[in-house]
Amino acid sequence: MNSRQTELSYRKVAVANASSVGLVIALYDMLVEDLRQAMKALERGDIEARSRALKHSFLVLQQLQGSLNREKGGDAANHLSHFYAVLRAGIWEAHVQQSPELLRKQISLLLDVRQTWVQVDPERAPAETIPAPTSPSHAPARIGPDDERTTDDWTA
């Protein structure tokens, strides 16, 4: 079994056993990896690989945005929908401008929001961490500790 097959087998098991929040985290991980692959392809001048990675990133964003339940999710779902739209625009801009720096910025945004998902996932170990953002250029506003919204109010 080669490394690609091993990775696919691992992902299948992880997805089959994941909570709904865990599935969202897995999609964030996939999206970050797509953008990293696009960055590498961009730096190599490999247009086909860059386009393939970015096309997949748009499909993942579509899945994330399409899974939002705006009726139950209220403001949180609307904010996430807006976040995904901003990401989509940023990824498109990075593609058009052929800018690895813009892709790094999108990765940084994703990792910041991913960390919040990790914190609310009841099945994750409390000590679990994520890789550091490749660029600390932008940190989105966070929900404060006094905010009364919970994950019970919405689904993703």
N, C-alpha and C. Protein backbone atom coordinates (compact mmCIF):
# COMPACT_ATOMS: atom_id res chain seq x y z
N MET A 1 0.86 -1.17 0.00
CA MET A 1 0.00 0.00 0.00
C MET A 1 0.90 1.23 0.00
N ASN A 2 0.67 2.15 -0.95
CA ASN A 2 1.49 3.36 -1.01
C ASN A 2 0.96 4.42 -0.04
N SER A 3 1.70 5.51 0.10
CA SER A 3 1.33 6.52 1.10
C SER A 3 -0.01 7.18 0.79
N ARG A 4 -0.34 7.35 -0.47
CA ARG A 4 -1.63 7.95 -0.85
C ARG A 4 -2.79 7.06 -0.43
N GLN A 5 -2.64 5.75 -0.66
CA GLN A 5 -3.68 4.80 -0.26
C GLN A 5 -3.82 4.75 1.25
N THR A 6 -2.69 4.81 1.95
CA THR A 6 -2.72 4.82 3.41
C THR A 6 -3.45 6.05 3.92
N GLU A 7 -3.15 7.20 3.33
CA GLU A 7 -3.81 8.44 3.74
C GLU A 7 -5.31 8.37 3.49
N LEU A 8 -5.72 7.85 2.33
CA LEU A 8 -7.14 7.72 2.02
C LEU A 8 -7.84 6.78 3.00
N SER A 9 -7.20 5.68 3.33
CA SER A 9 -7.78 4.74 4.30
C SER A 9 -7.95 5.40 5.66
N TYR A 10 -6.94 6.14 6.08
CA TYR A 10 -7.02 6.85 7.36
C TYR A 10 -8.16 7.85 7.35
N ARG A 11 -8.28 8.61 6.26
CA ARG A 11 -9.36 9.61 6.18
C ARG A 11 -10.73 8.96 6.21
N LYS A 12 -10.90 7.83 5.53
CA LYS A 12 -12.20 7.15 5.52
C LYS A 12 -12.60 6.73 6.93
N VAL A 13 -11.67 6.19 7.68
CA VAL A 13 -11.95 5.76 9.05
C VAL A 13 -12.25 6.99 9.92
N ALA A 14 -11.46 8.04 9.76
CA ALA A 14 -11.66 9.25 10.55
C ALA A 14 -13.03 9.86 10.29
N VAL A 15 -13.44 9.92 9.03
CA VAL A 15 -14.73 10.49 8.67
C VAL A 15 -15.86 9.61 9.19
N ALA A 16 -15.71 8.32 9.08
CA ALA A 16 -16.77 7.40 9.52
C ALA A 16 -17.02 7.51 11.03
N ASN A 17 -15.99 7.88 11.78
CA ASN A 17 -16.11 7.94 13.24
C ASN A 17 -16.21 9.36 13.78
N ALA A 18 -16.30 10.35 12.93
CA ALA A 18 -16.27 11.75 13.37
C ALA A 18 -17.65 12.26 13.77
N SER A 19 -17.63 13.21 14.70
CA SER A 19 -18.85 13.94 15.05
C SER A 19 -19.13 14.93 13.91
N SER A 20 -20.27 15.61 13.97
CA SER A 20 -20.57 16.60 12.93
C SER A 20 -19.54 17.73 12.96
N VAL A 21 -19.11 18.12 14.15
CA VAL A 21 -18.06 19.15 14.26
C VAL A 21 -16.75 18.59 13.71
N GLY A 22 -16.47 17.33 14.01
CA GLY A 22 -15.27 16.68 13.49
C GLY A 22 -15.24 16.66 11.97
N LEU A 23 -16.40 16.48 11.35
CA LEU A 23 -16.47 16.51 9.89
C LEU A 23 -16.16 17.90 9.34
N VAL A 24 -16.64 18.93 10.02
CA VAL A 24 -16.34 20.29 9.61
C VAL A 24 -14.83 20.54 9.72
N ILE A 25 -14.23 20.07 10.81
CA ILE A 25 -12.79 20.22 11.00
C ILE A 25 -12.04 19.49 9.89
N ALA A 26 -12.50 18.30 9.53
CA ALA A 26 -11.86 17.55 8.45
C ALA A 26 -11.93 18.33 7.13
N LEU A 27 -13.07 18.98 6.87
CA LEU A 27 -13.18 19.79 5.66
C LEU A 27 -12.25 21.00 5.70
N TYR A 28 -12.11 21.61 6.87
CA TYR A 28 -11.15 22.71 7.02
C TYR A 28 -9.74 22.22 6.73
N ASP A 29 -9.39 21.04 7.26
CA ASP A 29 -8.07 20.47 7.02
C ASP A 29 -7.84 20.24 5.53
N MET A 30 -8.86 19.71 4.87
CA MET A 30 -8.77 19.45 3.44
C MET A 30 -8.59 20.76 2.67
N LEU A 31 -9.32 21.77 3.06
CA LEU A 31 -9.24 23.07 2.40
C LEU A 31 -7.86 23.69 2.59
N VAL A 32 -7.32 23.61 3.80
CA VAL A 32 -5.97 24.13 4.06
C VAL A 32 -4.96 23.39 3.20
N GLU A 33 -5.08 22.07 3.13
CA GLU A 33 -4.15 21.28 2.32
C GLU A 33 -4.27 21.64 0.83
N ASP A 34 -5.50 21.84 0.36
CA ASP A 34 -5.68 22.27 -1.04
C ASP A 34 -4.95 23.58 -1.31
N LEU A 35 -5.09 24.53 -0.39
CA LEU A 35 -4.46 25.84 -0.59
C LEU A 35 -2.94 25.74 -0.50
N ARG A 36 -2.44 24.87 0.37
CA ARG A 36 -0.99 24.66 0.44
C ARG A 36 -0.48 24.03 -0.85
N GLN A 37 -1.22 23.07 -1.37
CA GLN A 37 -0.83 22.45 -2.64
C GLN A 37 -0.85 23.47 -3.78
N ALA A 38 -1.86 24.33 -3.78
CA ALA A 38 -1.95 25.38 -4.81
C ALA A 38 -0.77 26.34 -4.70
N MET A 39 -0.38 26.66 -3.46
CA MET A 39 0.77 27.54 -3.25
C MET A 39 2.04 26.92 -3.80
N LYS A 40 2.25 25.66 -3.49
CA LYS A 40 3.44 24.95 -3.98
C LYS A 40 3.43 24.90 -5.51
N ALA A 41 2.28 24.61 -6.09
CA ALA A 41 2.18 24.54 -7.55
C ALA A 41 2.43 25.91 -8.17
N LEU A 42 1.91 26.94 -7.53
CA LEU A 42 2.12 28.30 -8.01
C LEU A 42 3.62 28.64 -8.00
N GLU A 43 4.29 28.29 -6.93
CA GLU A 43 5.72 28.57 -6.82
C GLU A 43 6.54 27.77 -7.82
N ARG A 44 6.05 26.58 -8.21
CA ARG A 44 6.73 25.76 -9.23
C ARG A 44 6.35 26.17 -10.64
N GLY A 45 5.30 26.98 -10.76
CA GLY A 45 4.82 27.35 -12.09
C GLY A 45 3.98 26.26 -12.73
N ASP A 46 3.42 25.36 -11.93
CA ASP A 46 2.61 24.24 -12.42
C ASP A 46 1.14 24.67 -12.45
N ILE A 47 0.72 25.18 -13.58
CA ILE A 47 -0.64 25.73 -13.72
C ILE A 47 -1.70 24.65 -13.52
N GLU A 48 -1.46 23.46 -14.07
CA GLU A 48 -2.45 22.39 -13.97
C GLU A 48 -2.67 21.95 -12.52
N ALA A 49 -1.59 21.77 -11.78
CA ALA A 49 -1.71 21.35 -10.38
C ALA A 49 -2.36 22.47 -9.55
N ARG A 50 -2.00 23.71 -9.82
CA ARG A 50 -2.60 24.84 -9.10
C ARG A 50 -4.10 24.88 -9.35
N SER A 51 -4.49 24.77 -10.61
CA SER A 51 -5.91 24.81 -10.96
C SER A 51 -6.68 23.66 -10.34
N ARG A 52 -6.09 22.47 -10.33
CA ARG A 52 -6.74 21.30 -9.74
C ARG A 52 -6.95 21.51 -8.24
N ALA A 53 -5.92 22.00 -7.55
CA ALA A 53 -6.03 22.22 -6.10
C ALA A 53 -7.06 23.30 -5.78
N LEU A 54 -7.06 24.38 -6.56
CA LEU A 54 -8.01 25.46 -6.31
C LEU A 54 -9.44 25.04 -6.64
N LYS A 55 -9.58 24.26 -7.70
CA LYS A 55 -10.92 23.76 -8.04
C LYS A 55 -11.46 22.91 -6.89
N HIS A 56 -10.62 22.06 -6.33
CA HIS A 56 -11.07 21.24 -5.21
C HIS A 56 -11.38 22.11 -4.00
N SER A 57 -10.59 23.16 -3.78
CA SER A 57 -10.86 24.05 -2.63
C SER A 57 -12.23 24.71 -2.78
N PHE A 58 -12.61 25.08 -3.99
CA PHE A 58 -13.93 25.67 -4.21
C PHE A 58 -15.04 24.65 -3.94
N LEU A 59 -14.80 23.38 -4.28
CA LEU A 59 -15.78 22.34 -3.99
C LEU A 59 -15.95 22.14 -2.48
N VAL A 60 -14.84 22.18 -1.75
CA VAL A 60 -14.90 22.04 -0.30
C VAL A 60 -15.66 23.22 0.31
N LEU A 61 -15.35 24.43 -0.16
CA LEU A 61 -16.08 25.61 0.33
C LEU A 61 -17.57 25.50 0.05
N GLN A 62 -17.90 25.00 -1.13
CA GLN A 62 -19.30 24.82 -1.49
C GLN A 62 -19.97 23.84 -0.52
N GLN A 63 -19.27 22.77 -0.17
CA GLN A 63 -19.81 21.79 0.77
C GLN A 63 -20.02 22.43 2.15
N LEU A 64 -19.03 23.19 2.61
CA LEU A 64 -19.15 23.85 3.91
C LEU A 64 -20.32 24.83 3.92
N GLN A 65 -20.41 25.64 2.90
CA GLN A 65 -21.46 26.65 2.86
C GLN A 65 -22.83 26.00 2.66
N GLY A 66 -22.89 24.96 1.85
CA GLY A 66 -24.16 24.28 1.60
C GLY A 66 -24.67 23.50 2.79
N SER A 67 -23.80 23.18 3.73
CA SER A 67 -24.23 22.40 4.89
C SER A 67 -24.75 23.27 6.03
N LEU A 68 -24.67 24.58 5.87
CA LEU A 68 -25.17 25.47 6.92
C LEU A 68 -26.69 25.43 7.01
N ASN A 69 -27.20 25.39 8.21
CA ASN A 69 -28.64 25.42 8.44
C ASN A 69 -28.97 26.83 8.95
N ARG A 70 -29.39 27.69 8.04
CA ARG A 70 -29.62 29.09 8.41
C ARG A 70 -30.83 29.27 9.30
N GLU A 71 -31.80 28.38 9.22
CA GLU A 71 -32.97 28.50 10.10
C GLU A 71 -32.60 28.24 11.55
N LYS A 72 -31.88 27.16 11.81
CA LYS A 72 -31.48 26.83 13.18
C LYS A 72 -30.21 27.57 13.59
N GLY A 73 -29.37 27.89 12.61
CA GLY A 73 -28.08 28.48 12.91
C GLY A 73 -28.08 29.95 13.20
N GLY A 74 -29.10 30.65 12.73
CA GLY A 74 -29.22 32.08 12.99
C GLY A 74 -27.99 32.87 12.59
N ASP A 75 -27.57 33.76 13.47
CA ASP A 75 -26.44 34.64 13.19
C ASP A 75 -25.15 33.87 12.93
N ALA A 76 -24.92 32.80 13.69
CA ALA A 76 -23.68 32.03 13.52
C ALA A 76 -23.59 31.47 12.11
N ALA A 77 -24.68 30.90 11.62
CA ALA A 77 -24.68 30.35 10.26
C ALA A 77 -24.50 31.45 9.22
N ASN A 78 -25.13 32.59 9.45
CA ASN A 78 -24.97 33.72 8.52
C ASN A 78 -23.54 34.24 8.51
N HIS A 79 -22.91 34.30 9.68
CA HIS A 79 -21.52 34.75 9.76
C HIS A 79 -20.59 33.76 9.05
N LEU A 80 -20.83 32.47 9.25
CA LEU A 80 -20.01 31.47 8.56
C LEU A 80 -20.21 31.54 7.06
N SER A 81 -21.44 31.74 6.62
CA SER A 81 -21.70 31.87 5.19
C SER A 81 -20.93 33.05 4.60
N HIS A 82 -20.94 34.15 5.32
CA HIS A 82 -20.19 35.33 4.88
C HIS A 82 -18.69 35.03 4.87
N PHE A 83 -18.21 34.35 5.90
CA PHE A 83 -16.80 33.97 5.99
C PHE A 83 -16.40 33.13 4.78
N TYR A 84 -17.24 32.15 4.41
CA TYR A 84 -16.93 31.31 3.27
C TYR A 84 -16.94 32.11 1.96
N ALA A 85 -17.85 33.06 1.86
CA ALA A 85 -17.88 33.92 0.67
C ALA A 85 -16.61 34.77 0.58
N VAL A 86 -16.16 35.29 1.71
CA VAL A 86 -14.92 36.08 1.73
C VAL A 86 -13.73 35.19 1.36
N LEU A 87 -13.69 33.97 1.89
CA LEU A 87 -12.62 33.04 1.52
C LEU A 87 -12.62 32.76 0.03
N ARG A 88 -13.80 32.50 -0.51
CA ARG A 88 -13.92 32.21 -1.94
C ARG A 88 -13.37 33.37 -2.76
N ALA A 89 -13.73 34.59 -2.39
CA ALA A 89 -13.25 35.77 -3.11
C ALA A 89 -11.73 35.91 -2.96
N GLY A 90 -11.21 35.64 -1.77
CA GLY A 90 -9.77 35.73 -1.54
C GLY A 90 -9.00 34.68 -2.32
N ILE A 91 -9.54 33.48 -2.39
CA ILE A 91 -8.88 32.41 -3.16
C ILE A 91 -8.91 32.75 -4.64
N TRP A 92 -10.04 33.25 -5.11
CA TRP A 92 -10.14 33.64 -6.52
C TRP A 92 -9.14 34.76 -6.84
N GLU A 93 -9.05 35.73 -5.94
CA GLU A 93 -8.11 36.84 -6.15
C GLU A 93 -6.67 36.32 -6.18
N ALA A 94 -6.34 35.39 -5.29
CA ALA A 94 -5.00 34.80 -5.28
C ALA A 94 -4.72 34.07 -6.58
N HIS A 95 -5.73 33.39 -7.10
CA HIS A 95 -5.59 32.67 -8.37
C HIS A 95 -5.34 33.64 -9.51
N VAL A 96 -6.14 34.68 -9.59
CA VAL A 96 -6.01 35.65 -10.67
C VAL A 96 -4.67 36.38 -10.60
N GLN A 97 -4.28 36.78 -9.39
CA GLN A 97 -3.03 37.52 -9.22
C GLN A 97 -1.81 36.60 -9.11
N GLN A 98 -2.06 35.29 -9.07
CA GLN A 98 -0.99 34.30 -8.91
C GLN A 98 -0.12 34.66 -7.71
N SER A 99 -0.79 34.83 -6.56
CA SER A 99 -0.14 35.31 -5.35
C SER A 99 -0.10 34.26 -4.24
N PRO A 100 1.08 33.71 -3.95
CA PRO A 100 1.19 32.80 -2.81
C PRO A 100 0.87 33.50 -1.49
N GLU A 101 1.20 34.79 -1.39
CA GLU A 101 0.93 35.53 -0.16
C GLU A 101 -0.57 35.62 0.12
N LEU A 102 -1.38 35.83 -0.90
CA LEU A 102 -2.83 35.86 -0.70
C LEU A 102 -3.35 34.48 -0.28
N LEU A 103 -2.76 33.42 -0.80
CA LEU A 103 -3.15 32.08 -0.37
C LEU A 103 -2.76 31.85 1.08
N ARG A 104 -1.58 32.33 1.49
CA ARG A 104 -1.16 32.22 2.89
C ARG A 104 -2.16 32.93 3.81
N LYS A 105 -2.64 34.07 3.35
CA LYS A 105 -3.61 34.83 4.16
C LYS A 105 -4.89 34.03 4.34
N GLN A 106 -5.36 33.37 3.29
CA GLN A 106 -6.57 32.56 3.39
C GLN A 106 -6.34 31.38 4.33
N ILE A 107 -5.17 30.78 4.27
CA ILE A 107 -4.84 29.66 5.16
C ILE A 107 -4.85 30.14 6.61
N SER A 108 -4.28 31.30 6.85
CA SER A 108 -4.26 31.86 8.20
C SER A 108 -5.68 32.08 8.74
N LEU A 109 -6.55 32.61 7.90
CA LEU A 109 -7.94 32.82 8.30
C LEU A 109 -8.61 31.48 8.63
N LEU A 110 -8.40 30.50 7.77
CA LEU A 110 -8.99 29.18 7.98
C LEU A 110 -8.50 28.55 9.28
N LEU A 111 -7.21 28.64 9.55
CA LEU A 111 -6.67 28.03 10.75
C LEU A 111 -7.20 28.70 12.02
N ASP A 112 -7.41 30.01 11.94
CA ASP A 112 -7.99 30.71 13.09
C ASP A 112 -9.40 30.20 13.39
N VAL A 113 -10.22 30.07 12.36
CA VAL A 113 -11.59 29.60 12.57
C VAL A 113 -11.60 28.11 12.92
N ARG A 114 -10.69 27.34 12.31
CA ARG A 114 -10.59 25.91 12.62
C ARG A 114 -10.33 25.71 14.11
N GLN A 115 -9.49 26.53 14.69
CA GLN A 115 -9.17 26.41 16.11
C GLN A 115 -10.44 26.55 16.96
N THR A 116 -11.33 27.42 16.55
CA THR A 116 -12.59 27.57 17.28
C THR A 116 -13.43 26.29 17.18
N TRP A 117 -13.47 25.69 15.99
CA TRP A 117 -14.19 24.43 15.84
C TRP A 117 -13.59 23.35 16.73
N VAL A 118 -12.27 23.29 16.81
CA VAL A 118 -11.61 22.30 17.66
C VAL A 118 -12.03 22.50 19.11
N GLN A 119 -12.14 23.73 19.54
CA GLN A 119 -12.50 24.03 20.93
C GLN A 119 -13.93 23.59 21.26
N VAL A 120 -14.82 23.57 20.28
CA VAL A 120 -16.21 23.20 20.57
C VAL A 120 -16.51 21.74 20.25
N ASP A 121 -15.54 21.00 19.73
CA ASP A 121 -15.77 19.59 19.40
C ASP A 121 -15.67 18.74 20.67
N PRO A 122 -16.78 18.13 21.08
CA PRO A 122 -16.76 17.35 22.32
C PRO A 122 -15.91 16.08 22.22
N GLU A 123 -15.61 15.62 21.01
CA GLU A 123 -14.86 14.37 20.85
C GLU A 123 -13.36 14.58 20.72
N ARG A 124 -12.92 15.81 20.68
CA ARG A 124 -11.48 16.09 20.55
C ARG A 124 -10.84 16.14 21.91
N ALA A 125 -9.58 15.72 21.95
CA ALA A 125 -8.81 15.83 23.19
C ALA A 125 -8.53 17.30 23.46
N PRO A 126 -8.63 17.74 24.71
CA PRO A 126 -8.43 19.16 25.03
C PRO A 126 -7.05 19.67 24.65
N ALA A 127 -6.04 18.82 24.64
CA ALA A 127 -4.68 19.29 24.35
C ALA A 127 -4.36 19.34 22.86
N GLU A 128 -5.30 18.93 22.02
CA GLU A 128 -5.01 18.91 20.58
C GLU A 128 -4.74 20.31 20.07
N THR A 129 -3.72 20.40 19.26
CA THR A 129 -3.37 21.69 18.66
C THR A 129 -3.34 21.54 17.16
N ILE A 130 -3.21 22.67 16.49
CA ILE A 130 -3.15 22.68 15.04
C ILE A 130 -1.84 23.30 14.61
N PRO A 131 -1.44 23.09 13.36
CA PRO A 131 -0.22 23.70 12.89
C PRO A 131 -0.34 25.22 12.88
N ALA A 132 0.76 25.88 13.15
CA ALA A 132 0.76 27.34 13.17
C ALA A 132 0.45 27.89 11.80
N PRO A 133 -0.27 29.02 11.73
CA PRO A 133 -0.52 29.64 10.44
C PRO A 133 0.78 29.99 9.75
N THR A 134 0.78 29.91 8.43
CA THR A 134 1.99 30.22 7.69
C THR A 134 2.24 31.70 7.63
N SER A 135 1.21 32.51 7.93
CA SER A 135 1.37 33.95 7.93
C SER A 135 0.49 34.56 9.01
N PRO A 136 1.07 35.25 9.97
CA PRO A 136 0.26 35.83 11.04
C PRO A 136 -0.31 37.19 10.66
N SER A 137 -0.52 37.44 9.38
CA SER A 137 -0.88 38.77 8.90
C SER A 137 -2.28 39.23 9.28
N HIS A 138 -3.20 38.32 9.59
CA HIS A 138 -4.57 38.74 9.86
C HIS A 138 -5.21 37.80 10.86
N ALA A 139 -5.80 38.35 11.87
CA ALA A 139 -6.52 37.54 12.85
C ALA A 139 -7.93 38.08 12.95
N PRO A 140 -8.94 37.28 12.60
CA PRO A 140 -10.32 37.74 12.68
C PRO A 140 -10.78 37.90 14.11
N ALA A 141 -11.82 38.69 14.27
CA ALA A 141 -12.40 38.90 15.59
C ALA A 141 -12.93 37.58 16.12
N ARG A 142 -12.81 37.38 17.41
CA ARG A 142 -13.29 36.15 18.04
C ARG A 142 -14.53 36.46 18.88
N ILE A 143 -15.32 35.45 19.10
CA ILE A 143 -16.48 35.60 19.98
C ILE A 143 -15.94 35.61 21.41
N GLY A 144 -16.37 36.59 22.17
CA GLY A 144 -15.88 36.74 23.53
C GLY A 144 -16.46 35.71 24.47
N PRO A 145 -15.86 35.55 25.66
CA PRO A 145 -16.34 34.55 26.62
C PRO A 145 -17.72 34.86 27.17
N ASP A 146 -18.18 36.12 27.08
CA ASP A 146 -19.50 36.48 27.60
C ASP A 146 -20.61 36.21 26.59
N ASP A 147 -20.25 35.84 25.37
CA ASP A 147 -21.23 35.57 24.32
C ASP A 147 -22.01 34.32 24.70
N GLU A 148 -23.35 34.36 24.62
CA GLU A 148 -24.16 33.25 25.07
C GLU A 148 -24.50 32.24 23.99
N ARG A 149 -24.03 32.43 22.75
CA ARG A 149 -24.32 31.49 21.69
C ARG A 149 -23.63 30.16 21.95
N THR A 150 -24.30 29.08 21.59
CA THR A 150 -23.70 27.75 21.75
C THR A 150 -23.87 26.99 20.46
N THR A 151 -23.19 25.86 20.37
CA THR A 151 -23.31 25.03 19.17
C THR A 151 -24.67 24.34 19.12
N ASP A 152 -25.41 24.32 20.22
CA ASP A 152 -26.74 23.69 20.21
C ASP A 152 -27.74 24.51 19.39
N ASP A 153 -27.41 25.78 19.14
CA ASP A 153 -28.33 26.66 18.45
C ASP A 153 -28.26 26.54 16.93
N TRP A 154 -27.30 25.81 16.40
CA TRP A 154 -27.15 25.76 14.95
C TRP A 154 -26.43 24.49 14.55
N THR A 155 -26.51 24.19 13.27
CA THR A 155 -25.78 23.05 12.73
C THR A 155 -24.99 23.51 11.53
N ALA A 156 -23.94 22.81 11.24
CA ALA A 156 -23.10 23.15 10.09
C ALA A 156 -22.99 21.96 9.18
